[in-house]
Full PDB file with SEQRES, HELIX, SHEET, SSBOND, CRYST1, ORIGX, SCALE, CONECT and MASTER records, all heavy atoms in Angstrom:
SEQRES   1 A   32  ARG LEU MET THR LEU GLY THR LEU PRO GLN GLY ALA LEU          
SEQRES   2 A   32  ARG GLY TYR GLY GLN THR LEU LEU SER GLU PRO ALA PRO          
SEQRES   3 A   32  MET PRO GLU ASP GLY PRO                                      
HELIX    1 AA1 LEU A    2  LEU A    5  1                                   4    
HELIX    2 AA2 TYR A   16  LEU A   21  1                                   6    
CRYST1    1.000    1.000    1.000  90.00  90.00  90.00 P 1           1          
ORIGX1      1.000000  0.000000  0.000000        0.00000                         
ORIGX2      0.000000  1.000000  0.000000        0.00000                         
ORIGX3      0.000000  0.000000  1.000000        0.00000                         
SCALE1      1.000000  0.000000  0.000000        0.00000                         
SCALE2      0.000000  1.000000  0.000000        0.00000                         
SCALE3      0.000000  0.000000  1.000000        0.00000                         
ATOM      1  N   ARG A   1      60.551-164.936-187.857  1.00  0.00           N  
ATOM      2  CA  ARG A   1      60.340-164.441-189.220  1.00  0.00           C  
ATOM      3  C   ARG A   1      59.489-165.430-190.015  1.00  0.00           C  
ATOM      4  O   ARG A   1      58.607-165.031-190.784  1.00  0.00           O  
ATOM      5  CB  ARG A   1      61.693-164.225-189.914  1.00  0.00           C  
ATOM      6  CG  ARG A   1      61.559-163.764-191.366  1.00  0.00           C  
ATOM      7  CD  ARG A   1      62.906-163.732-192.073  1.00  0.00           C  
ATOM      8  NE  ARG A   1      62.731-163.525-193.486  1.00  0.00           N  
ATOM      9  CZ  ARG A   1      62.814-162.342-194.093  1.00  0.00           C  
ATOM     10  NH1 ARG A   1      63.071-161.260-193.382  1.00  0.00           N  
ATOM     11  NH2 ARG A   1      62.651-162.246-195.402  1.00  0.00           N  
ATOM     12  N   LEU A   2      59.762-166.719-189.834  1.00  0.00           N  
ATOM     13  CA  LEU A   2      58.979-167.734-190.544  1.00  0.00           C  
ATOM     14  C   LEU A   2      57.509-167.640-190.162  1.00  0.00           C  
ATOM     15  O   LEU A   2      56.623-167.747-191.020  1.00  0.00           O  
ATOM     16  CB  LEU A   2      59.524-169.125-190.218  1.00  0.00           C  
ATOM     17  CG  LEU A   2      58.773-170.304-190.853  1.00  0.00           C  
ATOM     18  CD1 LEU A   2      59.010-170.338-192.353  1.00  0.00           C  
ATOM     19  CD2 LEU A   2      59.218-171.623-190.229  1.00  0.00           C  
ATOM     20  N   MET A   3      57.235-167.427-188.867  1.00  0.00           N  
ATOM     21  CA  MET A   3      55.859-167.380-188.404  1.00  0.00           C  
ATOM     22  C   MET A   3      55.147-166.097-188.827  1.00  0.00           C  
ATOM     23  O   MET A   3      53.922-166.091-188.997  1.00  0.00           O  
ATOM     24  CB  MET A   3      55.818-167.523-186.883  1.00  0.00           C  
ATOM     25  CG  MET A   3      56.316-168.867-186.375  1.00  0.00           C  
ATOM     26  SD  MET A   3      56.315-168.981-184.577  1.00  0.00           S  
ATOM     27  CE  MET A   3      54.552-169.018-184.239  1.00  0.00           C  
ATOM     28  N   THR A   4      55.902-165.005-188.988  1.00  0.00           N  
ATOM     29  CA  THR A   4      55.270-163.731-189.330  1.00  0.00           C  
ATOM     30  C   THR A   4      55.265-163.457-190.827  1.00  0.00           C  
ATOM     31  O   THR A   4      54.279-162.950-191.368  1.00  0.00           O  
ATOM     32  CB  THR A   4      55.981-162.576-188.606  1.00  0.00           C  
ATOM     33  OG1 THR A   4      57.394-162.615-188.898  1.00  0.00           O  
ATOM     34  CG2 THR A   4      55.787-162.686-187.102  1.00  0.00           C  
ATOM     35  N   LEU A   5      56.358-163.796-191.515  1.00  0.00           N  
ATOM     36  CA  LEU A   5      56.467-163.496-192.943  1.00  0.00           C  
ATOM     37  C   LEU A   5      56.347-164.727-193.830  1.00  0.00           C  
ATOM     38  O   LEU A   5      56.220-164.601-195.052  1.00  0.00           O  
ATOM     39  CB  LEU A   5      57.797-162.781-193.226  1.00  0.00           C  
ATOM     40  CG  LEU A   5      58.008-161.456-192.478  1.00  0.00           C  
ATOM     41  CD1 LEU A   5      59.360-160.854-192.832  1.00  0.00           C  
ATOM     42  CD2 LEU A   5      56.883-160.473-192.792  1.00  0.00           C  
ATOM     43  N   GLY A   6      56.439-165.920-193.226  1.00  0.00           N  
ATOM     44  CA  GLY A   6      56.237-167.140-193.998  1.00  0.00           C  
ATOM     45  C   GLY A   6      57.490-167.737-194.602  1.00  0.00           C  
ATOM     46  O   GLY A   6      57.428-168.796-195.231  1.00  0.00           O  
ATOM     47  N   THR A   7      58.630-167.084-194.409  1.00  0.00           N  
ATOM     48  CA  THR A   7      59.887-167.612-194.961  1.00  0.00           C  
ATOM     49  C   THR A   7      61.016-167.448-193.952  1.00  0.00           C  
ATOM     50  O   THR A   7      60.997-166.515-193.131  1.00  0.00           O  
ATOM     51  CB  THR A   7      60.289-166.878-196.256  1.00  0.00           C  
ATOM     52  OG1 THR A   7      60.448-165.479-195.978  1.00  0.00           O  
ATOM     53  CG2 THR A   7      59.234-167.077-197.342  1.00  0.00           C  
ATOM     54  N   LEU A   8      61.986-168.333-194.041  1.00  0.00           N  
ATOM     55  CA  LEU A   8      63.184-168.194-193.219  1.00  0.00           C  
ATOM     56  C   LEU A   8      64.123-167.172-193.844  1.00  0.00           C  
ATOM     57  O   LEU A   8      64.140-167.003-195.068  1.00  0.00           O  
ATOM     58  CB  LEU A   8      63.903-169.536-193.102  1.00  0.00           C  
ATOM     59  CG  LEU A   8      63.257-170.618-192.242  1.00  0.00           C  
ATOM     60  CD1 LEU A   8      64.035-171.920-192.380  1.00  0.00           C  
ATOM     61  CD2 LEU A   8      63.195-170.196-190.777  1.00  0.00           C  
ATOM     62  N   PRO A   9      64.928-166.487-193.031  1.00  0.00           N  
ATOM     63  CA  PRO A   9      65.930-165.582-193.608  1.00  0.00           C  
ATOM     64  C   PRO A   9      66.908-166.355-194.481  1.00  0.00           C  
ATOM     65  O   PRO A   9      67.197-167.526-194.222  1.00  0.00           O  
ATOM     66  CB  PRO A   9      66.635-165.005-192.368  1.00  0.00           C  
ATOM     67  CG  PRO A   9      65.715-165.252-191.230  1.00  0.00           C  
ATOM     68  CD  PRO A   9      64.956-166.487-191.561  1.00  0.00           C  
ATOM     69  N   GLN A  10      67.401-165.711-195.508  1.00  0.00           N  
ATOM     70  CA  GLN A  10      68.371-166.361-196.384  1.00  0.00           C  
ATOM     71  C   GLN A  10      69.612-166.756-195.576  1.00  0.00           C  
ATOM     72  O   GLN A  10      70.148-165.964-194.819  1.00  0.00           O  
ATOM     73  CB  GLN A  10      68.761-165.423-197.530  1.00  0.00           C  
ATOM     74  CG  GLN A  10      69.638-166.077-198.582  1.00  0.00           C  
ATOM     75  CD  GLN A  10      69.887-165.148-199.766  1.00  0.00           C  
ATOM     76  OE1 GLN A  10      69.463-163.998-199.756  1.00  0.00           O  
ATOM     77  NE2 GLN A  10      70.554-165.639-200.774  1.00  0.00           N  
ATOM     78  N   GLY A  11      70.027-167.977-195.734  1.00  0.00           N  
ATOM     79  CA  GLY A  11      71.218-168.449-195.022  1.00  0.00           C  
ATOM     80  C   GLY A  11      70.942-168.979-193.637  1.00  0.00           C  
ATOM     81  O   GLY A  11      71.878-169.379-192.935  1.00  0.00           O  
ATOM     82  N   ALA A  12      69.680-169.013-193.211  1.00  0.00           N  
ATOM     83  CA  ALA A  12      69.366-169.478-191.850  1.00  0.00           C  
ATOM     84  C   ALA A  12      69.750-170.938-191.645  1.00  0.00           C  
ATOM     85  O   ALA A  12      70.041-171.353-190.529  1.00  0.00           O  
ATOM     86  CB  ALA A  12      67.884-169.278-191.554  1.00  0.00           C  
ATOM     87  N   LEU A  13      69.739-171.722-192.726  1.00  0.00           N  
ATOM     88  CA  LEU A  13      70.058-173.154-192.620  1.00  0.00           C  
ATOM     89  C   LEU A  13      71.420-173.485-193.232  1.00  0.00           C  
ATOM     90  O   LEU A  13      71.716-174.652-193.463  1.00  0.00           O  
ATOM     91  CB  LEU A  13      68.958-173.977-193.302  1.00  0.00           C  
ATOM     92  CG  LEU A  13      67.598-173.936-192.601  1.00  0.00           C  
ATOM     93  CD1 LEU A  13      66.530-174.601-193.461  1.00  0.00           C  
ATOM     94  CD2 LEU A  13      67.667-174.619-191.240  1.00  0.00           C  
ATOM     95  N   ARG A  14      72.221-172.465-193.448  1.00  0.00           N  
ATOM     96  CA  ARG A  14      73.548-172.717-194.011  1.00  0.00           C  
ATOM     97  C   ARG A  14      74.364-173.595-193.054  1.00  0.00           C  
ATOM     98  O   ARG A  14      74.512-173.288-191.877  1.00  0.00           O  
ATOM     99  CB  ARG A  14      74.273-171.402-194.266  1.00  0.00           C  
ATOM    100  CG  ARG A  14      75.629-171.577-194.963  1.00  0.00           C  
ATOM    101  CD  ARG A  14      76.296-170.250-195.265  1.00  0.00           C  
ATOM    102  NE  ARG A  14      75.522-169.493-196.254  1.00  0.00           N  
ATOM    103  CZ  ARG A  14      74.948-168.329-196.014  1.00  0.00           C  
ATOM    104  NH1 ARG A  14      75.040-167.788-194.816  1.00  0.00           N  
ATOM    105  NH2 ARG A  14      74.280-167.691-196.975  1.00  0.00           N  
ATOM    106  N   GLY A  15      74.874-174.689-193.563  1.00  0.00           N  
ATOM    107  CA  GLY A  15      75.668-175.610-192.759  1.00  0.00           C  
ATOM    108  C   GLY A  15      74.864-176.721-192.121  1.00  0.00           C  
ATOM    109  O   GLY A  15      75.446-177.680-191.603  1.00  0.00           O  
ATOM    110  N   TYR A  16      73.530-176.598-192.154  1.00  0.00           N  
ATOM    111  CA  TYR A  16      72.716-177.624-191.497  1.00  0.00           C  
ATOM    112  C   TYR A  16      72.795-178.958-192.238  1.00  0.00           C  
ATOM    113  O   TYR A  16      72.805-180.021-191.605  1.00  0.00           O  
ATOM    114  CB  TYR A  16      71.255-177.168-191.412  1.00  0.00           C  
ATOM    115  CG  TYR A  16      70.358-178.182-190.732  1.00  0.00           C  
ATOM    116  CD1 TYR A  16      70.594-178.574-189.421  1.00  0.00           C  
ATOM    117  CD2 TYR A  16      69.284-178.756-191.402  1.00  0.00           C  
ATOM    118  CE1 TYR A  16      69.776-179.508-188.792  1.00  0.00           C  
ATOM    119  CE2 TYR A  16      68.459-179.688-190.780  1.00  0.00           C  
ATOM    120  CZ  TYR A  16      68.717-180.058-189.477  1.00  0.00           C  
ATOM    121  OH  TYR A  16      67.911-180.993-188.864  1.00  0.00           O  
ATOM    122  N   GLY A  17      72.850-178.898-193.563  1.00  0.00           N  
ATOM    123  CA  GLY A  17      72.942-180.138-194.338  1.00  0.00           C  
ATOM    124  C   GLY A  17      74.195-180.928-193.989  1.00  0.00           C  
ATOM    125  O   GLY A  17      74.139-182.149-193.809  1.00  0.00           O  
ATOM    126  N   GLN A  18      75.309-180.227-193.898  1.00  0.00           N  
ATOM    127  CA  GLN A  18      76.562-180.907-193.541  1.00  0.00           C  
ATOM    128  C   GLN A  18      76.493-181.460-192.124  1.00  0.00           C  
ATOM    129  O   GLN A  18      76.972-182.573-191.851  1.00  0.00           O  
ATOM    130  CB  GLN A  18      77.737-179.935-193.674  1.00  0.00           C  
ATOM    131  CG  GLN A  18      79.102-180.588-193.473  1.00  0.00           C  
ATOM    132  CD  GLN A  18      80.239-179.625-193.777  1.00  0.00           C  
ATOM    133  OE1 GLN A  18      80.016-178.476-194.130  1.00  0.00           O  
ATOM    134  NE2 GLN A  18      81.463-180.110-193.645  1.00  0.00           N  
ATOM    135  N   THR A  19      75.878-180.701-191.218  1.00  0.00           N  
ATOM    136  CA  THR A  19      75.696-181.176-189.847  1.00  0.00           C  
ATOM    137  C   THR A  19      74.845-182.441-189.829  1.00  0.00           C  
ATOM    138  O   THR A  19      75.145-183.404-189.115  1.00  0.00           O  
ATOM    139  CB  THR A  19      75.022-180.089-188.994  1.00  0.00           C  
ATOM    140  OG1 THR A  19      75.868-178.934-188.960  1.00  0.00           O  
ATOM    141  CG2 THR A  19      74.775-180.579-187.575  1.00  0.00           C  
ATOM    142  N   LEU A  20      73.795-182.437-190.636  1.00  0.00           N  
ATOM    143  CA  LEU A  20      72.899-183.589-190.697  1.00  0.00           C  
ATOM    144  C   LEU A  20      73.628-184.836-191.194  1.00  0.00           C  
ATOM    145  O   LEU A  20      73.482-185.930-190.644  1.00  0.00           O  
ATOM    146  CB  LEU A  20      71.723-183.258-191.620  1.00  0.00           C  
ATOM    147  CG  LEU A  20      70.450-184.094-191.487  1.00  0.00           C  
ATOM    148  CD1 LEU A  20      69.830-183.893-190.120  1.00  0.00           C  
ATOM    149  CD2 LEU A  20      69.456-183.713-192.578  1.00  0.00           C  
ATOM    150  N   LEU A  21      74.441-184.663-192.236  1.00  0.00           N  
ATOM    151  CA  LEU A  21      75.142-185.810-192.812  1.00  0.00           C  
ATOM    152  C   LEU A  21      76.284-186.303-191.928  1.00  0.00           C  
ATOM    153  O   LEU A  21      76.724-187.455-192.078  1.00  0.00           O  
ATOM    154  CB  LEU A  21      75.690-185.447-194.193  1.00  0.00           C  
ATOM    155  CG  LEU A  21      74.651-185.113-195.267  1.00  0.00           C  
ATOM    156  CD1 LEU A  21      75.335-184.872-196.617  1.00  0.00           C  
ATOM    157  CD2 LEU A  21      73.616-186.221-195.396  1.00  0.00           C  
ATOM    158  N   SER A  22      76.732-185.453-191.022  1.00  0.00           N  
ATOM    159  CA  SER A  22      77.826-185.876-190.135  1.00  0.00           C  
ATOM    160  C   SER A  22      77.325-186.779-189.006  1.00  0.00           C  
ATOM    161  O   SER A  22      78.120-187.381-188.297  1.00  0.00           O  
ATOM    162  CB  SER A  22      78.523-184.652-189.533  1.00  0.00           C  
ATOM    163  OG  SER A  22      77.664-183.964-188.652  1.00  0.00           O  
ATOM    164  N   GLU A  23      76.019-186.849-188.865  1.00  0.00           N  
ATOM    165  CA  GLU A  23      75.424-187.678-187.813  1.00  0.00           C  
ATOM    166  C   GLU A  23      74.863-188.957-188.415  1.00  0.00           C  
ATOM    167  O   GLU A  23      74.433-188.973-189.573  1.00  0.00           O  
ATOM    168  CB  GLU A  23      74.301-186.910-187.108  1.00  0.00           C  
ATOM    169  CG  GLU A  23      74.761-185.614-186.462  1.00  0.00           C  
ATOM    170  CD  GLU A  23      73.595-184.773-185.957  1.00  0.00           C  
ATOM    171  OE1 GLU A  23      72.437-185.153-186.269  1.00  0.00           O  
ATOM    172  OE2 GLU A  23      73.840-183.770-185.283  1.00  0.00           O  
ATOM    173  N   PRO A  24      74.864-190.053-187.658  1.00  0.00           N  
ATOM    174  CA  PRO A  24      74.269-191.293-188.168  1.00  0.00           C  
ATOM    175  C   PRO A  24      72.802-191.096-188.502  1.00  0.00           C  
ATOM    176  O   PRO A  24      72.102-190.344-187.829  1.00  0.00           O  
ATOM    177  CB  PRO A  24      74.451-192.286-187.006  1.00  0.00           C  
ATOM    178  CG  PRO A  24      75.512-191.684-186.141  1.00  0.00           C  
ATOM    179  CD  PRO A  24      75.405-190.213-186.293  1.00  0.00           C  
ATOM    180  N   ALA A  25      72.351-191.756-189.541  1.00  0.00           N  
ATOM    181  CA  ALA A  25      70.946-191.666-189.908  1.00  0.00           C  
ATOM    182  C   ALA A  25      70.088-192.291-188.803  1.00  0.00           C  
ATOM    183  O   ALA A  25      70.442-193.340-188.264  1.00  0.00           O  
ATOM    184  CB  ALA A  25      70.697-192.376-191.229  1.00  0.00           C  
ATOM    185  N   PRO A  26      68.966-191.666-188.448  1.00  0.00           N  
ATOM    186  CA  PRO A  26      68.071-192.268-187.449  1.00  0.00           C  
ATOM    187  C   PRO A  26      67.604-193.648-187.906  1.00  0.00           C  
ATOM    188  O   PRO A  26      67.299-193.851-189.085  1.00  0.00           O  
ATOM    189  CB  PRO A  26      66.903-191.281-187.382  1.00  0.00           C  
ATOM    190  CG  PRO A  26      67.454-189.990-187.897  1.00  0.00           C  
ATOM    191  CD  PRO A  26      68.459-190.368-188.933  1.00  0.00           C  
ATOM    192  N   MET A  27      67.560-194.592-186.973  1.00  0.00           N  
ATOM    193  CA  MET A  27      67.184-195.966-187.309  1.00  0.00           C  
ATOM    194  C   MET A  27      65.936-196.368-186.541  1.00  0.00           C  
ATOM    195  O   MET A  27      65.843-196.129-185.339  1.00  0.00           O  
ATOM    196  CB  MET A  27      68.325-196.920-186.951  1.00  0.00           C  
ATOM    197  CG  MET A  27      69.640-196.588-187.633  1.00  0.00           C  
ATOM    198  SD  MET A  27      69.606-196.943-189.392  1.00  0.00           S  
ATOM    199  CE  MET A  27      69.554-198.727-189.334  1.00  0.00           C  
ATOM    200  N   PRO A  28      64.974-196.994-187.211  1.00  0.00           N  
ATOM    201  CA  PRO A  28      63.787-197.473-186.489  1.00  0.00           C  
ATOM    202  C   PRO A  28      64.088-198.776-185.771  1.00  0.00           C  
ATOM    203  O   PRO A  28      65.111-199.432-186.016  1.00  0.00           O  
ATOM    204  CB  PRO A  28      62.781-197.680-187.621  1.00  0.00           C  
ATOM    205  CG  PRO A  28      63.626-198.080-188.792  1.00  0.00           C  
ATOM    206  CD  PRO A  28      64.907-197.293-188.648  1.00  0.00           C  
ATOM    207  N   GLU A  29      63.210-199.165-184.871  1.00  0.00           N  
ATOM    208  CA  GLU A  29      63.329-200.469-184.219  1.00  0.00           C  
ATOM    209  C   GLU A  29      63.113-201.572-185.259  1.00  0.00           C  
ATOM    210  O   GLU A  29      62.368-201.406-186.229  1.00  0.00           O  
ATOM    211  CB  GLU A  29      62.288-200.602-183.113  1.00  0.00           C  
ATOM    212  CG  GLU A  29      62.471-199.622-181.958  1.00  0.00           C  
ATOM    213  CD  GLU A  29      63.719-199.931-181.154  1.00  0.00           C  
ATOM    214  OE1 GLU A  29      64.115-201.123-181.116  1.00  0.00           O  
ATOM    215  OE2 GLU A  29      64.299-198.995-180.580  1.00  0.00           O  
ATOM    216  N   ASP A  30      63.782-202.707-185.057  1.00  0.00           N  
ATOM    217  CA  ASP A  30      63.677-203.811-186.023  1.00  0.00           C  
ATOM    218  C   ASP A  30      62.231-204.286-186.191  1.00  0.00           C  
ATOM    219  O   ASP A  30      61.787-204.552-187.321  1.00  0.00           O  
ATOM    220  CB  ASP A  30      64.555-204.988-185.580  1.00  0.00           C  
ATOM    221  CG  ASP A  30      66.042-204.702-185.773  1.00  0.00           C  
ATOM    222  OD1 ASP A  30      66.374-203.638-186.316  1.00  0.00           O  
ATOM    223  OD2 ASP A  30      66.850-205.560-185.358  1.00  0.00           O  
ATOM    224  N   GLY A  31      61.520-204.393-185.079  1.00  0.00           N  
ATOM    225  CA  GLY A  31      60.165-204.946-185.132  1.00  0.00           C  
ATOM    226  C   GLY A  31      59.235-204.184-186.068  1.00  0.00           C  
ATOM    227  O   GLY A  31      58.668-204.764-187.008  1.00  0.00           O  
ATOM    228  N   PRO A  32      59.040-202.885-185.855  1.00  0.00           N  
ATOM    229  CA  PRO A  32      58.169-202.117-186.750  1.00  0.00           C  
ATOM    230  C   PRO A  32      58.648-202.119-188.194  1.00  0.00           C  
ATOM    231  O   PRO A  32      57.836-202.163-189.122  1.00  0.00           O  
ATOM    232  CB  PRO A  32      58.198-200.708-186.154  1.00  0.00           C  
ATOM    233  CG  PRO A  32      58.550-200.911-184.721  1.00  0.00           C  
ATOM    234  CD  PRO A  32      59.477-202.083-184.699  1.00  0.00           C  
TER     235      PRO A  32                                                      
MASTER        0    0    0    2    0    0    0    6  234    1    0    3          
END                                                                             
């Protein structure tokens, strides 16, 4: 739908924010 109409269906990402916060934040290597 995103590729054809340009938008995601309403509610397609419901719960994704909580899932994201339940995981450790990605960490870069110390050197860079």
